[in-house]
């Protein structure tokens, strides 16, 4: 239940902050995540 809750939280908080700041270097994060 804890994991499910923070999965929702991570998705919402990242997307809202990204929109507010005009970006969070998402392409860089995706490339990092794939290699990781």
ModelCIF file with pLDDT and N, C-alpha, C, O atoms, coordinates in Angstrom:
data_MODEL
#
_entry.id   MODEL 
#
_entity.id                         1 
_entity.type                       polymer 
_entity.pdbx_number_of_molecules   1 
#
_entity_poly.entity_id                      1 
_entity_poly.type                           'polypeptide(L)' 
_entity_poly.nstd_linkage                   no 
_entity_poly.nstd_monomer                   no 
_entity_poly.pdbx_seq_one_letter_code       
;(UNK)(UNK)(UNK)(UNK)(UNK)(UNK)(UNK)(UNK)(UNK)(UNK)(UNK)(UNK)(UNK)(UNK)(UNK)(UNK)
(UNK)(UNK)(UNK)(UNK)(UNK)(UNK)(UNK)(UNK)(UNK)(UNK)(UNK)(UNK)(UNK)(UNK)(UNK)(UNK)
(UNK)(UNK)(UNK)(UNK)
;
_entity_poly.pdbx_seq_one_letter_code_can   XXXXXXXXXXXXXXXXXXXXXXXXXXXXXXXXXXXX 
_entity_poly.pdbx_strand_id                 A 
#
loop_
_entity_poly_seq.entity_id 
_entity_poly_seq.num 
_entity_poly_seq.mon_id 
_entity_poly_seq.hetero 
1 1  UNK n 
1 2  UNK n 
1 3  UNK n 
1 4  UNK n 
1 5  UNK n 
1 6  UNK n 
1 7  UNK n 
1 8  UNK n 
1 9  UNK n 
1 10 UNK n 
1 11 UNK n 
1 12 UNK n 
1 13 UNK n 
1 14 UNK n 
1 15 UNK n 
1 16 UNK n 
1 17 UNK n 
1 18 UNK n 
1 19 UNK n 
1 20 UNK n 
1 21 UNK n 
1 22 UNK n 
1 23 UNK n 
1 24 UNK n 
1 25 UNK n 
1 26 UNK n 
1 27 UNK n 
1 28 UNK n 
1 29 UNK n 
1 30 UNK n 
1 31 UNK n 
1 32 UNK n 
1 33 UNK n 
1 34 UNK n 
1 35 UNK n 
1 36 UNK n 
#
_struct_asym.id          A 
_struct_asym.entity_id   1 
#
loop_
_ma_qa_metric.id 
_ma_qa_metric.mode 
_ma_qa_metric.name 
_ma_qa_metric.software_group_id 
_ma_qa_metric.type 
1 global pLDDT . pLDDT 
2 local  pLDDT . pLDDT 
#
_ma_qa_metric_global.metric_id      1 
_ma_qa_metric_global.metric_value   94.06 
_ma_qa_metric_global.model_id       1 
_ma_qa_metric_global.ordinal_id     1 
#
loop_
_ma_qa_metric_local.label_asym_id 
_ma_qa_metric_local.label_comp_id 
_ma_qa_metric_local.label_seq_id 
_ma_qa_metric_local.metric_id 
_ma_qa_metric_local.metric_value 
_ma_qa_metric_local.model_id 
_ma_qa_metric_local.ordinal_id 
A UNK 1  2 97.00 1 1  
A UNK 2  2 97.00 1 2  
A UNK 3  2 97.00 1 3  
A UNK 4  2 97.00 1 4  
A UNK 5  2 97.00 1 5  
A UNK 6  2 96.00 1 6  
A UNK 7  2 97.00 1 7  
A UNK 8  2 97.00 1 8  
A UNK 9  2 96.00 1 9  
A UNK 10 2 96.00 1 10 
A UNK 11 2 96.00 1 11 
A UNK 12 2 96.00 1 12 
A UNK 13 2 95.00 1 13 
A UNK 14 2 96.00 1 14 
A UNK 15 2 95.00 1 15 
A UNK 16 2 95.00 1 16 
A UNK 17 2 94.00 1 17 
A UNK 18 2 94.00 1 18 
A UNK 19 2 93.00 1 19 
A UNK 20 2 90.00 1 20 
A UNK 21 2 90.00 1 21 
A UNK 22 2 88.00 1 22 
A UNK 23 2 89.00 1 23 
A UNK 24 2 90.00 1 24 
A UNK 25 2 91.00 1 25 
A UNK 26 2 92.00 1 26 
A UNK 27 2 94.00 1 27 
A UNK 28 2 92.00 1 28 
A UNK 29 2 93.00 1 29 
A UNK 30 2 94.00 1 30 
A UNK 31 2 94.00 1 31 
A UNK 32 2 93.00 1 32 
A UNK 33 2 93.00 1 33 
A UNK 34 2 94.00 1 34 
A UNK 35 2 94.00 1 35 
A UNK 36 2 94.00 1 36 
#
loop_
_atom_site.group_PDB 
_atom_site.id 
_atom_site.type_symbol 
_atom_site.label_atom_id 
_atom_site.label_alt_id 
_atom_site.label_comp_id 
_atom_site.label_asym_id 
_atom_site.label_entity_id 
_atom_site.label_seq_id 
_atom_site.pdbx_PDB_ins_code 
_atom_site.Cartn_x 
_atom_site.Cartn_y 
_atom_site.Cartn_z 
_atom_site.occupancy 
_atom_site.B_iso_or_equiv 
_atom_site.pdbx_formal_charge 
_atom_site.auth_seq_id 
_atom_site.auth_comp_id 
_atom_site.auth_asym_id 
_atom_site.auth_atom_id 
_atom_site.pdbx_PDB_model_num 
ATOM 1   N N  . UNK A 1 1  ? 0.833  -1.206 0.000   1.00 97.00 ? 1  UNK A N  1 
ATOM 2   C CA . UNK A 1 1  ? 0.000  0.000  0.000   1.00 97.00 ? 1  UNK A CA 1 
ATOM 3   C C  . UNK A 1 1  ? 0.869  1.257  0.000   1.00 97.00 ? 1  UNK A C  1 
ATOM 4   O O  . UNK A 1 1  ? 0.553  2.236  -0.676  1.00 97.00 ? 1  UNK A O  1 
ATOM 5   N N  . UNK A 1 2  ? 1.953  1.225  0.752   1.00 97.00 ? 2  UNK A N  1 
ATOM 6   C CA . UNK A 1 2  ? 2.899  2.348  0.790   1.00 97.00 ? 2  UNK A CA 1 
ATOM 7   C C  . UNK A 1 2  ? 3.489  2.608  -0.596  1.00 97.00 ? 2  UNK A C  1 
ATOM 8   O O  . UNK A 1 2  ? 3.564  3.755  -1.037  1.00 97.00 ? 2  UNK A O  1 
ATOM 9   N N  . UNK A 1 3  ? 3.907  1.545  -1.277  1.00 97.00 ? 3  UNK A N  1 
ATOM 10  C CA . UNK A 1 3  ? 4.491  1.683  -2.614  1.00 97.00 ? 3  UNK A CA 1 
ATOM 11  C C  . UNK A 1 3  ? 3.473  2.236  -3.611  1.00 97.00 ? 3  UNK A C  1 
ATOM 12  O O  . UNK A 1 3  ? 3.802  3.093  -4.431  1.00 97.00 ? 3  UNK A O  1 
ATOM 13  N N  . UNK A 1 4  ? 2.242  1.742  -3.537  1.00 97.00 ? 4  UNK A N  1 
ATOM 14  C CA . UNK A 1 4  ? 1.207  2.230  -4.447  1.00 97.00 ? 4  UNK A CA 1 
ATOM 15  C C  . UNK A 1 4  ? 0.932  3.718  -4.227  1.00 97.00 ? 4  UNK A C  1 
ATOM 16  O O  . UNK A 1 4  ? 0.754  4.469  -5.185  1.00 97.00 ? 4  UNK A O  1 
ATOM 17  N N  . UNK A 1 5  ? 0.899  4.133  -2.974  1.00 97.00 ? 5  UNK A N  1 
ATOM 18  C CA . UNK A 1 5  ? 0.608  5.530  -2.654  1.00 97.00 ? 5  UNK A CA 1 
ATOM 19  C C  . UNK A 1 5  ? 1.689  6.458  -3.190  1.00 97.00 ? 5  UNK A C  1 
ATOM 20  O O  . UNK A 1 5  ? 1.376  7.499  -3.768  1.00 97.00 ? 5  UNK A O  1 
ATOM 21  N N  . UNK A 1 6  ? 2.955  6.097  -3.006  1.00 96.00 ? 6  UNK A N  1 
ATOM 22  C CA . UNK A 1 6  ? 4.029  6.996  -3.429  1.00 96.00 ? 6  UNK A CA 1 
ATOM 23  C C  . UNK A 1 6  ? 4.335  6.893  -4.917  1.00 96.00 ? 6  UNK A C  1 
ATOM 24  O O  . UNK A 1 6  ? 4.982  7.775  -5.483  1.00 96.00 ? 6  UNK A O  1 
ATOM 25  N N  . UNK A 1 7  ? 3.872  5.822  -5.552  1.00 97.00 ? 7  UNK A N  1 
ATOM 26  C CA . UNK A 1 7  ? 3.915  5.798  -7.014  1.00 97.00 ? 7  UNK A CA 1 
ATOM 27  C C  . UNK A 1 7  ? 3.002  6.885  -7.567  1.00 97.00 ? 7  UNK A C  1 
ATOM 28  O O  . UNK A 1 7  ? 3.382  7.619  -8.479  1.00 97.00 ? 7  UNK A O  1 
ATOM 29  N N  . UNK A 1 8  ? 1.806  6.984  -7.014  1.00 97.00 ? 8  UNK A N  1 
ATOM 30  C CA . UNK A 1 8  ? 0.873  8.045  -7.406  1.00 97.00 ? 8  UNK A CA 1 
ATOM 31  C C  . UNK A 1 8  ? 1.470  9.411  -7.068  1.00 97.00 ? 8  UNK A C  1 
ATOM 32  O O  . UNK A 1 8  ? 1.420  10.331 -7.885  1.00 97.00 ? 8  UNK A O  1 
ATOM 33  N N  . UNK A 1 9  ? 2.031  9.543  -5.873  1.00 96.00 ? 9  UNK A N  1 
ATOM 34  C CA . UNK A 1 9  ? 2.616  10.810 -5.458  1.00 96.00 ? 9  UNK A CA 1 
ATOM 35  C C  . UNK A 1 9  ? 3.766  11.251 -6.338  1.00 96.00 ? 9  UNK A C  1 
ATOM 36  O O  . UNK A 1 9  ? 3.866  12.426 -6.691  1.00 96.00 ? 9  UNK A O  1 
ATOM 37  N N  . UNK A 1 10 ? 4.641  10.315 -6.697  1.00 96.00 ? 10 UNK A N  1 
ATOM 38  C CA . UNK A 1 10 ? 5.790  10.651 -7.545  1.00 96.00 ? 10 UNK A CA 1 
ATOM 39  C C  . UNK A 1 10 ? 5.343  11.132 -8.921  1.00 96.00 ? 10 UNK A C  1 
ATOM 40  O O  . UNK A 1 10 ? 5.873  12.111 -9.446  1.00 96.00 ? 10 UNK A O  1 
ATOM 41  N N  . UNK A 1 11 ? 4.375  10.445 -9.493  1.00 96.00 ? 11 UNK A N  1 
ATOM 42  C CA . UNK A 1 11 ? 3.890  10.838 -10.824 1.00 96.00 ? 11 UNK A CA 1 
ATOM 43  C C  . UNK A 1 11 ? 3.266  12.233 -10.802 1.00 96.00 ? 11 UNK A C  1 
ATOM 44  O O  . UNK A 1 11 ? 3.532  13.056 -11.678 1.00 96.00 ? 11 UNK A O  1 
ATOM 45  N N  . UNK A 1 12 ? 2.437  12.488 -9.792  1.00 96.00 ? 12 UNK A N  1 
ATOM 46  C CA . UNK A 1 12 ? 1.764  13.787 -9.728  1.00 96.00 ? 12 UNK A CA 1 
ATOM 47  C C  . UNK A 1 12 ? 2.765  14.898 -9.428  1.00 96.00 ? 12 UNK A C  1 
ATOM 48  O O  . UNK A 1 12 ? 2.778  15.918 -10.117 1.00 96.00 ? 12 UNK A O  1 
ATOM 49  N N  . UNK A 1 13 ? 3.603  14.714 -8.410  1.00 95.00 ? 13 UNK A N  1 
ATOM 50  C CA . UNK A 1 13 ? 4.507  15.788 -7.998  1.00 95.00 ? 13 UNK A CA 1 
ATOM 51  C C  . UNK A 1 13 ? 5.510  16.111 -9.099  1.00 95.00 ? 13 UNK A C  1 
ATOM 52  O O  . UNK A 1 13 ? 5.827  17.281 -9.315  1.00 95.00 ? 13 UNK A O  1 
ATOM 53  N N  . UNK A 1 14 ? 6.014  15.100 -9.799  1.00 96.00 ? 14 UNK A N  1 
ATOM 54  C CA . UNK A 1 14 ? 6.974  15.358 -10.879 1.00 96.00 ? 14 UNK A CA 1 
ATOM 55  C C  . UNK A 1 14 ? 6.323  16.125 -12.021 1.00 96.00 ? 14 UNK A C  1 
ATOM 56  O O  . UNK A 1 14 ? 6.882  17.101 -12.521 1.00 96.00 ? 14 UNK A O  1 
ATOM 57  N N  . UNK A 1 15 ? 5.149  15.686 -12.428 1.00 95.00 ? 15 UNK A N  1 
ATOM 58  C CA . UNK A 1 15 ? 4.500  16.320 -13.576 1.00 95.00 ? 15 UNK A CA 1 
ATOM 59  C C  . UNK A 1 15 ? 4.075  17.758 -13.263 1.00 95.00 ? 15 UNK A C  1 
ATOM 60  O O  . UNK A 1 15 ? 4.203  18.638 -14.114 1.00 95.00 ? 15 UNK A O  1 
ATOM 61  N N  . UNK A 1 16 ? 3.573  18.001 -12.049 1.00 95.00 ? 16 UNK A N  1 
ATOM 62  C CA . UNK A 1 16 ? 3.140  19.354 -11.684 1.00 95.00 ? 16 UNK A CA 1 
ATOM 63  C C  . UNK A 1 16 ? 4.339  20.290 -11.558 1.00 95.00 ? 16 UNK A C  1 
ATOM 64  O O  . UNK A 1 16 ? 4.296  21.413 -12.061 1.00 95.00 ? 16 UNK A O  1 
ATOM 65  N N  . UNK A 1 17 ? 5.401  19.851 -10.901 1.00 94.00 ? 17 UNK A N  1 
ATOM 66  C CA . UNK A 1 17 ? 6.584  20.703 -10.753 1.00 94.00 ? 17 UNK A CA 1 
ATOM 67  C C  . UNK A 1 17 ? 7.256  20.950 -12.100 1.00 94.00 ? 17 UNK A C  1 
ATOM 68  O O  . UNK A 1 17 ? 7.741  22.049 -12.367 1.00 94.00 ? 17 UNK A O  1 
ATOM 69  N N  . UNK A 1 18 ? 7.282  19.938 -12.929 1.00 94.00 ? 18 UNK A N  1 
ATOM 70  C CA . UNK A 1 18 ? 7.869  20.103 -14.260 1.00 94.00 ? 18 UNK A CA 1 
ATOM 71  C C  . UNK A 1 18 ? 7.126  21.186 -15.048 1.00 94.00 ? 18 UNK A C  1 
ATOM 72  O O  . UNK A 1 18 ? 7.744  22.020 -15.709 1.00 94.00 ? 18 UNK A O  1 
ATOM 73  N N  . UNK A 1 19 ? 5.820  21.160 -14.971 1.00 93.00 ? 19 UNK A N  1 
ATOM 74  C CA . UNK A 1 19 ? 5.037  22.172 -15.670 1.00 93.00 ? 19 UNK A CA 1 
ATOM 75  C C  . UNK A 1 19 ? 5.267  23.565 -15.083 1.00 93.00 ? 19 UNK A C  1 
ATOM 76  O O  . UNK A 1 19 ? 5.327  24.550 -15.820 1.00 93.00 ? 19 UNK A O  1 
ATOM 77  N N  . UNK A 1 20 ? 5.394  23.642 -13.786 1.00 90.00 ? 20 UNK A N  1 
ATOM 78  C CA . UNK A 1 20 ? 5.579  24.933 -13.119 1.00 90.00 ? 20 UNK A CA 1 
ATOM 79  C C  . UNK A 1 20 ? 6.941  25.542 -13.451 1.00 90.00 ? 20 UNK A C  1 
ATOM 80  O O  . UNK A 1 20 ? 7.050  26.752 -13.649 1.00 90.00 ? 20 UNK A O  1 
ATOM 81  N N  . UNK A 1 21 ? 7.978  24.706 -13.513 1.00 90.00 ? 21 UNK A N  1 
ATOM 82  C CA . UNK A 1 21 ? 9.331  25.215 -13.763 1.00 90.00 ? 21 UNK A CA 1 
ATOM 83  C C  . UNK A 1 21 ? 9.648  25.339 -15.248 1.00 90.00 ? 21 UNK A C  1 
ATOM 84  O O  . UNK A 1 21 ? 10.666 25.922 -15.622 1.00 90.00 ? 21 UNK A O  1 
ATOM 85  N N  . UNK A 1 22 ? 8.789  24.799 -16.083 1.00 88.00 ? 22 UNK A N  1 
ATOM 86  C CA . UNK A 1 22 ? 9.075  24.824 -17.514 1.00 88.00 ? 22 UNK A CA 1 
ATOM 87  C C  . UNK A 1 22 ? 9.990  23.702 -17.956 1.00 88.00 ? 22 UNK A C  1 
ATOM 88  O O  . UNK A 1 22 ? 10.578 23.760 -19.035 1.00 88.00 ? 22 UNK A O  1 
ATOM 89  N N  . UNK A 1 23 ? 10.111 22.677 -17.119 1.00 89.00 ? 23 UNK A N  1 
ATOM 90  C CA . UNK A 1 23 ? 10.950 21.525 -17.461 1.00 89.00 ? 23 UNK A CA 1 
ATOM 91  C C  . UNK A 1 23 ? 11.761 21.052 -16.283 1.00 89.00 ? 23 UNK A C  1 
ATOM 92  O O  . UNK A 1 23 ? 12.078 21.835 -15.388 1.00 89.00 ? 23 UNK A O  1 
ATOM 93  N N  . UNK A 1 24 ? 12.105 19.769 -16.274 1.00 90.00 ? 24 UNK A N  1 
ATOM 94  C CA . UNK A 1 24 ? 12.970 19.182 -15.247 1.00 90.00 ? 24 UNK A CA 1 
ATOM 95  C C  . UNK A 1 24 ? 14.041 18.307 -15.898 1.00 90.00 ? 24 UNK A C  1 
ATOM 96  O O  . UNK A 1 24 ? 14.466 17.300 -15.331 1.00 90.00 ? 24 UNK A O  1 
ATOM 97  N N  . UNK A 1 25 ? 14.472 18.712 -17.104 1.00 91.00 ? 25 UNK A N  1 
ATOM 98  C CA . UNK A 1 25 ? 15.490 17.945 -17.832 1.00 91.00 ? 25 UNK A CA 1 
ATOM 99  C C  . UNK A 1 25 ? 15.053 16.491 -17.988 1.00 91.00 ? 25 UNK A C  1 
ATOM 100 O O  . UNK A 1 25 ? 15.836 15.565 -17.777 1.00 91.00 ? 25 UNK A O  1 
ATOM 101 N N  . UNK A 1 26 ? 13.784 16.310 -18.363 1.00 92.00 ? 26 UNK A N  1 
ATOM 102 C CA . UNK A 1 26 ? 13.221 14.964 -18.481 1.00 92.00 ? 26 UNK A CA 1 
ATOM 103 C C  . UNK A 1 26 ? 13.951 14.092 -19.497 1.00 92.00 ? 26 UNK A C  1 
ATOM 104 O O  . UNK A 1 26 ? 14.188 12.921 -19.201 1.00 92.00 ? 26 UNK A O  1 
ATOM 105 N N  . UNK A 1 27 ? 14.327 14.598 -20.695 1.00 94.00 ? 27 UNK A N  1 
ATOM 106 C CA . UNK A 1 27 ? 15.079 13.737 -21.620 1.00 94.00 ? 27 UNK A CA 1 
ATOM 107 C C  . UNK A 1 27 ? 16.369 13.197 -21.007 1.00 94.00 ? 27 UNK A C  1 
ATOM 108 O O  . UNK A 1 27 ? 16.723 12.037 -21.214 1.00 94.00 ? 27 UNK A O  1 
ATOM 109 N N  . UNK A 1 28 ? 17.069 14.047 -20.250 1.00 92.00 ? 28 UNK A N  1 
ATOM 110 C CA . UNK A 1 28 ? 18.290 13.594 -19.572 1.00 92.00 ? 28 UNK A CA 1 
ATOM 111 C C  . UNK A 1 28 ? 17.967 12.523 -18.544 1.00 92.00 ? 28 UNK A C  1 
ATOM 112 O O  . UNK A 1 28 ? 18.686 11.532 -18.421 1.00 92.00 ? 28 UNK A O  1 
ATOM 113 N N  . UNK A 1 29 ? 16.874 12.729 -17.801 1.00 93.00 ? 29 UNK A N  1 
ATOM 114 C CA . UNK A 1 29 ? 16.467 11.752 -16.794 1.00 93.00 ? 29 UNK A CA 1 
ATOM 115 C C  . UNK A 1 29 ? 16.089 10.425 -17.440 1.00 93.00 ? 29 UNK A C  1 
ATOM 116 O O  . UNK A 1 29 ? 16.432 9.366  -16.915 1.00 93.00 ? 29 UNK A O  1 
ATOM 117 N N  . UNK A 1 30 ? 15.388 10.467 -18.569 1.00 94.00 ? 30 UNK A N  1 
ATOM 118 C CA . UNK A 1 30 ? 14.989 9.236  -19.258 1.00 94.00 ? 30 UNK A CA 1 
ATOM 119 C C  . UNK A 1 30 ? 16.216 8.470  -19.741 1.00 94.00 ? 30 UNK A C  1 
ATOM 120 O O  . UNK A 1 30 ? 16.302 7.254  -19.573 1.00 94.00 ? 30 UNK A O  1 
ATOM 121 N N  . UNK A 1 31 ? 17.172 9.192  -20.345 1.00 94.00 ? 31 UNK A N  1 
ATOM 122 C CA . UNK A 1 31 ? 18.395 8.526  -20.804 1.00 94.00 ? 31 UNK A CA 1 
ATOM 123 C C  . UNK A 1 31 ? 19.147 7.914  -19.624 1.00 94.00 ? 31 UNK A C  1 
ATOM 124 O O  . UNK A 1 31 ? 19.671 6.804  -19.718 1.00 94.00 ? 31 UNK A O  1 
ATOM 125 N N  . UNK A 1 32 ? 19.194 8.643  -18.523 1.00 93.00 ? 32 UNK A N  1 
ATOM 126 C CA . UNK A 1 32 ? 19.835 8.113  -17.316 1.00 93.00 ? 32 UNK A CA 1 
ATOM 127 C C  . UNK A 1 32 ? 19.102 6.868  -16.824 1.00 93.00 ? 32 UNK A C  1 
ATOM 128 O O  . UNK A 1 32 ? 19.732 5.869  -16.478 1.00 93.00 ? 32 UNK A O  1 
ATOM 129 N N  . UNK A 1 33 ? 17.760 6.928  -16.793 1.00 93.00 ? 33 UNK A N  1 
ATOM 130 C CA . UNK A 1 33 ? 16.972 5.816  -16.275 1.00 93.00 ? 33 UNK A CA 1 
ATOM 131 C C  . UNK A 1 33 ? 17.161 4.556  -17.113 1.00 93.00 ? 33 UNK A C  1 
ATOM 132 O O  . UNK A 1 33 ? 17.259 3.457  -16.566 1.00 93.00 ? 33 UNK A O  1 
ATOM 133 N N  . UNK A 1 34 ? 17.214 4.706  -18.437 1.00 94.00 ? 34 UNK A N  1 
ATOM 134 C CA . UNK A 1 34 ? 17.399 3.542  -19.320 1.00 94.00 ? 34 UNK A CA 1 
ATOM 135 C C  . UNK A 1 34 ? 18.747 2.883  -19.037 1.00 94.00 ? 34 UNK A C  1 
ATOM 136 O O  . UNK A 1 34 ? 18.835 1.665  -18.884 1.00 94.00 ? 34 UNK A O  1 
ATOM 137 N N  . UNK A 1 35 ? 19.793 3.701  -18.969 1.00 94.00 ? 35 UNK A N  1 
ATOM 138 C CA . UNK A 1 35 ? 21.123 3.141  -18.690 1.00 94.00 ? 35 UNK A CA 1 
ATOM 139 C C  . UNK A 1 35 ? 21.207 2.556  -17.286 1.00 94.00 ? 35 UNK A C  1 
ATOM 140 O O  . UNK A 1 35 ? 21.870 1.542  -17.064 1.00 94.00 ? 35 UNK A O  1 
ATOM 141 N N  . UNK A 1 36 ? 20.528 3.206  -16.340 1.00 94.00 ? 36 UNK A N  1 
ATOM 142 C CA . UNK A 1 36 ? 20.544 2.726  -14.963 1.00 94.00 ? 36 UNK A CA 1 
ATOM 143 C C  . UNK A 1 36 ? 19.844 1.379  -14.842 1.00 94.00 ? 36 UNK A C  1 
ATOM 144 O O  . UNK A 1 36 ? 19.762 0.821  -13.748 1.00 94.00 ? 36 UNK A O  1 
#
